């Protein structure tokens, strides 16, 4: 009897966790550069001093990320940039470490620092990138940032920085609670000169809304089945107790 309870109880618990992940994906279906979060259940034997080979927990043991690219959307905005194909933009966290994102909707802070919409400075070759005032910028395919003065000699083009573009192995990346990715080792990723970007574009989310809705319905049915199994186990236990009591 308890074998059924172990599996159904833990399965129902982690199914709810999967529903949370699906809801999170759907909420970010229009978020720039978002990567779909995936969950899978598997059975794990209960670990005790006395082995219980017939008892197993259902655990959410293989959280993964769908790293496929999203659609490119032209914005025409000078500070928008989309990574083409594989690769990431590097940003600097408050503690000085690096994280990686595909969200290239950038802006300039009051201090002239190029940063994300969340206020994270974008990393260049030598740290954060400073954009001079009264300049128009153009972001090249290699991530180089060219500035042209709005006044005076407009034929003078200056390279003011270059985006740090990286492409570490996807298996080495982990998603943080802030939605940014980091290397498991905690070390900064090396520059990959083969990564290219498109200025004036943004990458959309790679969430497949129809697929996520189908998954949500499937999980709801799965949760219903698991709770029904618990109810059946309770009824079987009551019936067995009654039979033993009358014997």
Protein backbone atom coordinates (compact mmCIF):
# COMPACT_ATOMS: atom_id res chain seq x y z
CA UNK A 1 0.00 0.00 0.00
CA UNK A 2 2.70 2.47 0.97
CA UNK A 3 4.52 1.83 -2.32
CA UNK A 4 1.60 3.46 -4.11
CA UNK A 5 1.53 6.36 -1.67
CA UNK A 6 5.24 7.14 -2.09
CA UNK A 7 5.00 7.37 -5.87
CA UNK A 8 1.67 9.20 -6.08
CA UNK A 9 2.46 11.68 -3.29
CA UNK A 10 5.85 12.78 -4.65
CA UNK A 11 4.59 12.67 -8.23
CA UNK A 12 1.75 15.06 -7.40
CA UNK A 13 4.13 17.40 -5.58
CA UNK A 14 6.58 17.70 -8.46
CA UNK A 15 3.82 17.88 -11.04
CA UNK A 16 2.75 21.12 -9.37
CA UNK A 17 6.35 22.29 -9.68
CA UNK A 18 6.24 21.54 -13.37
CA UNK A 19 3.02 23.53 -13.67
CA UNK A 20 4.81 26.50 -12.10
CA UNK A 21 7.56 26.21 -14.72
CA UNK A 22 5.04 26.06 -17.58
CA UNK A 23 3.23 29.10 -16.17
CA UNK A 24 6.57 30.92 -15.97
CA UNK A 25 7.32 30.06 -19.59
CA UNK A 26 3.93 31.32 -20.75
CA UNK A 27 4.37 34.54 -18.78
CA UNK A 28 7.63 35.12 -20.69
CA UNK A 29 6.31 34.24 -24.15
CA UNK A 30 6.94 37.85 -25.21
CA UNK A 31 10.08 38.49 -23.13
CA UNK A 32 13.13 39.43 -25.19
CA UNK A 33 15.70 36.63 -25.45
CA UNK A 34 13.91 34.33 -22.98
CA UNK A 35 14.84 30.63 -23.00
CA UNK A 36 12.21 27.98 -22.27
CA UNK A 37 12.65 26.13 -18.97
CA UNK A 38 12.02 22.38 -19.10
CA UNK A 39 11.33 19.86 -16.31
CA UNK A 40 11.27 16.07 -16.31
CA UNK A 41 10.33 13.55 -13.63
CA UNK A 42 12.17 10.32 -12.85
CA UNK A 43 11.92 7.62 -10.20
CA UNK A 44 14.56 7.47 -7.43
CA UNK A 45 14.83 4.66 -4.89
CA UNK A 46 14.24 5.68 -1.26
CA UNK A 47 17.60 5.87 0.52
CA UNK A 48 17.47 4.51 4.07
CA UNK A 49 19.73 2.45 6.36
CA UNK A 50 17.57 -0.58 5.60
CA UNK A 51 17.19 -0.71 1.78
CA UNK A 52 13.64 -0.35 0.48
CA UNK A 53 14.01 -1.50 -3.11
CA UNK A 54 10.26 -1.56 -3.69
CA UNK A 55 9.77 2.08 -2.64
CA UNK A 56 10.53 4.98 -4.96
CA UNK A 57 10.10 8.72 -5.02
CA UNK A 58 9.21 10.68 -8.14
CA UNK A 59 11.64 13.61 -8.30
CA UNK A 60 12.14 16.57 -10.61
CA UNK A 61 15.76 15.66 -11.23
CA UNK A 62 16.53 16.96 -14.70
CA UNK A 63 15.72 20.66 -14.98
CA UNK A 64 16.94 21.80 -18.39
CA UNK A 65 16.82 24.78 -20.74
CA UNK A 66 15.79 24.93 -24.38
CA UNK A 67 18.63 26.87 -26.01
CA UNK A 68 17.10 27.08 -29.48
CA UNK A 69 17.07 30.57 -30.97
CA UNK A 70 14.02 32.81 -31.07
CA UNK A 71 12.76 34.96 -33.96
CA UNK A 72 14.53 38.24 -34.78
CA UNK A 73 12.41 41.38 -34.73
CA UNK A 74 13.58 44.58 -36.39
CA UNK A 75 13.22 47.66 -34.19
CA UNK A 76 15.52 50.17 -35.90
CA UNK A 77 16.63 51.37 -32.46
CA UNK A 78 20.38 52.05 -32.26
CA UNK A 79 20.78 50.48 -28.80
CA UNK A 80 18.97 47.25 -29.68
CA UNK A 81 21.15 44.28 -30.58
CA UNK A 82 20.38 40.61 -31.24
CA UNK A 83 22.85 37.74 -31.14
CA UNK A 84 22.69 35.80 -34.40
CA UNK A 85 22.80 32.05 -33.90
CA UNK A 86 24.61 30.73 -30.84
CA UNK A 87 26.24 33.10 -28.36
CA UNK A 88 25.63 35.47 -25.48
CA UNK A 89 26.10 39.06 -24.36
CA UNK A 90 28.16 39.47 -21.18
CA UNK A 91 26.91 41.74 -18.37
CA UNK A 92 28.47 42.72 -15.07
CA UNK A 93 26.68 41.84 -11.83
CA UNK A 94 26.81 44.07 -8.70
CA UNK A 95 29.45 41.79 -7.14
CA UNK A 96 31.72 42.24 -10.16
CA UNK A 97 31.16 38.78 -11.64
CA UNK A 98 29.84 38.08 -15.12
CA UNK A 99 26.53 36.73 -16.32
CA UNK A 100 25.16 36.12 -19.79
CA UNK A 101 21.95 37.11 -21.56
CA UNK A 102 20.32 37.13 -24.98
CA UNK A 103 18.28 40.23 -24.14
CA UNK A 104 19.93 42.95 -26.18
CA UNK A 105 17.52 45.78 -25.36
CA UNK A 106 20.17 48.21 -24.09
CA UNK A 107 20.20 51.79 -22.88
CA UNK A 108 22.64 54.39 -21.59
CA UNK A 109 22.64 55.30 -17.90
CA UNK A 110 22.81 58.84 -16.56
CA UNK A 111 26.56 58.30 -16.20
CA UNK A 112 26.94 57.28 -19.83
CA UNK A 113 27.35 53.54 -19.11
CA UNK A 114 25.86 51.11 -21.62
CA UNK A 115 23.58 48.79 -19.66
CA UNK A 116 20.59 46.46 -19.82
CA UNK A 117 17.06 47.59 -18.96
CA UNK A 118 17.64 46.05 -15.52
CA UNK A 119 20.64 48.32 -14.91
CA UNK A 120 23.38 45.69 -15.49
CA UNK A 121 26.44 47.22 -17.23
CA UNK A 122 27.30 45.54 -20.52
CA UNK A 123 30.83 44.16 -20.51
CA UNK A 124 33.30 45.27 -23.17
CA UNK A 125 36.93 44.41 -23.79
CA UNK A 126 38.10 46.24 -20.67
CA UNK A 127 34.98 46.31 -18.51
CA UNK A 128 31.84 48.46 -18.79
CA UNK A 129 31.42 50.52 -21.96
CA UNK A 130 31.06 54.32 -21.76
CA UNK A 131 29.09 56.08 -24.50
CA UNK A 132 30.09 59.74 -25.09
CA UNK A 133 27.36 62.33 -24.94
CA UNK A 134 25.83 63.86 -28.08
CA UNK A 135 26.88 60.93 -30.23
CA UNK A 136 24.99 58.56 -32.46
CA UNK A 137 26.14 54.97 -32.21
CA UNK A 138 26.19 52.04 -34.60
CA UNK A 139 26.76 48.47 -33.43
CA UNK A 140 28.67 46.35 -35.93
CA UNK A 141 28.28 42.65 -36.63
CA UNK A 142 31.36 41.90 -34.52
CA UNK A 143 29.96 43.86 -31.56
CA UNK A 144 32.10 46.94 -32.15
CA UNK A 145 30.42 50.18 -31.12
CA UNK A 146 31.09 53.21 -33.36
CA UNK A 147 30.18 56.74 -32.30
CA UNK A 148 29.56 59.73 -34.56
CA UNK A 149 29.22 63.23 -33.12
CA UNK A 150 25.88 64.96 -33.62
CA UNK A 151 27.65 68.29 -34.02
CA UNK A 152 30.88 69.41 -35.66
CA UNK A 153 32.76 67.11 -38.02
CA UNK A 154 30.24 64.32 -38.51
CA UNK A 155 32.66 62.39 -40.69
CA UNK A 156 34.77 61.48 -37.64
CA UNK A 157 33.90 57.95 -36.52
CA UNK A 158 35.33 56.65 -33.24
CA UNK A 159 35.27 53.10 -31.90
CA UNK A 160 34.24 53.54 -28.25
CA UNK A 161 34.06 49.90 -27.27
CA UNK A 162 33.22 46.35 -28.25
CA UNK A 163 30.63 44.04 -26.75
CA UNK A 164 32.04 40.95 -25.09
CA UNK A 165 30.44 38.10 -27.02
CA UNK A 166 30.83 34.57 -25.68
CA UNK A 167 29.67 31.10 -26.62
CA UNK A 168 30.49 28.64 -23.81
CA UNK A 169 29.22 25.04 -23.96
CA UNK A 170 25.51 25.08 -23.17
CA UNK A 171 25.96 22.16 -20.75
CA UNK A 172 28.16 24.42 -18.60
CA UNK A 173 25.51 27.13 -18.24
CA UNK A 174 23.10 27.41 -15.32
CA UNK A 175 20.15 29.78 -15.02
CA UNK A 176 20.05 32.02 -11.97
CA UNK A 177 16.95 33.25 -10.15
CA UNK A 178 17.40 36.59 -11.94
CA UNK A 179 16.99 34.86 -15.32
CA UNK A 180 20.65 35.39 -16.28
CA UNK A 181 22.98 32.51 -17.10
CA UNK A 182 26.35 31.79 -15.51
CA UNK A 183 29.09 29.20 -15.90
CA UNK A 184 28.94 26.40 -13.33
CA UNK A 185 32.57 27.07 -12.48
CA UNK A 186 31.85 30.73 -11.65
CA UNK A 187 34.66 31.80 -13.98
CA UNK A 188 34.14 34.31 -16.81
CA UNK A 189 33.70 32.84 -20.28
CA UNK A 190 36.27 33.48 -22.99
CA UNK A 191 35.52 35.80 -25.90
CA UNK A 192 34.35 33.99 -29.04
CA UNK A 193 35.15 36.04 -32.14
CA UNK A 194 32.86 33.92 -34.29
CA UNK A 195 29.73 35.23 -32.53
CA UNK A 196 27.94 37.91 -34.53
CA UNK A 197 25.17 40.36 -33.69
CA UNK A 198 22.59 42.40 -35.60
CA UNK A 199 22.18 46.03 -34.60
CA UNK A 200 18.65 47.41 -34.63
CA UNK A 201 17.13 43.98 -33.93
CA UNK A 202 15.90 42.10 -30.87
CA UNK A 203 15.48 38.36 -30.41
CA UNK A 204 12.09 37.18 -29.28
CA UNK A 205 11.34 34.44 -26.76
CA UNK A 206 11.70 30.84 -27.95
CA UNK A 207 8.61 29.76 -25.98
CA UNK A 208 6.16 27.74 -28.09
CA UNK A 209 2.83 28.86 -26.63
CA UNK A 210 0.78 26.01 -28.14
CA UNK A 211 3.25 23.40 -26.89
CA UNK A 212 3.24 24.90 -23.39
CA UNK A 213 -0.58 24.97 -23.29
CA UNK A 214 -0.70 21.30 -24.30
CA UNK A 215 1.85 20.52 -21.58
CA UNK A 216 -0.22 22.40 -19.01
CA UNK A 217 -3.35 20.35 -19.86
CA UNK A 218 -1.33 17.12 -19.72
CA UNK A 219 0.11 18.02 -16.31
CA UNK A 220 -3.36 18.86 -14.97
CA UNK A 221 -4.59 15.40 -15.99
CA UNK A 222 -1.49 13.81 -14.52
CA UNK A 223 -2.02 15.59 -11.19
CA UNK A 224 -5.67 14.48 -11.17
CA UNK A 225 -4.61 10.87 -11.74
CA UNK A 226 -2.07 11.00 -8.91
CA UNK A 227 -4.53 12.46 -6.42
CA UNK A 228 -7.07 9.81 -7.48
CA UNK A 229 -4.45 7.14 -6.73
CA UNK A 230 -4.03 8.58 -3.24
CA UNK A 231 -7.80 8.51 -2.76
CA UNK A 232 -7.93 4.88 -3.93
CA UNK A 233 -5.11 3.98 -1.55
CA UNK A 234 -7.07 5.52 1.33
CA UNK A 235 -10.22 3.58 0.36
CA UNK A 236 -8.24 0.33 0.05
CA UNK A 237 -6.68 0.91 3.45
CA UNK A 238 -10.11 1.53 5.03
CA UNK A 239 -11.51 -1.62 3.41
CA UNK A 240 -8.55 -3.73 4.54
CA UNK A 241 -8.81 -2.40 8.09
CA UNK A 242 -12.52 -3.21 8.18
CA UNK A 243 -11.92 -6.77 6.97
CA UNK A 244 -9.18 -7.36 9.55
CA UNK A 245 -11.40 -5.92 12.26
CA UNK A 246 -14.23 -8.30 11.50
CA UNK A 247 -12.05 -11.36 11.08
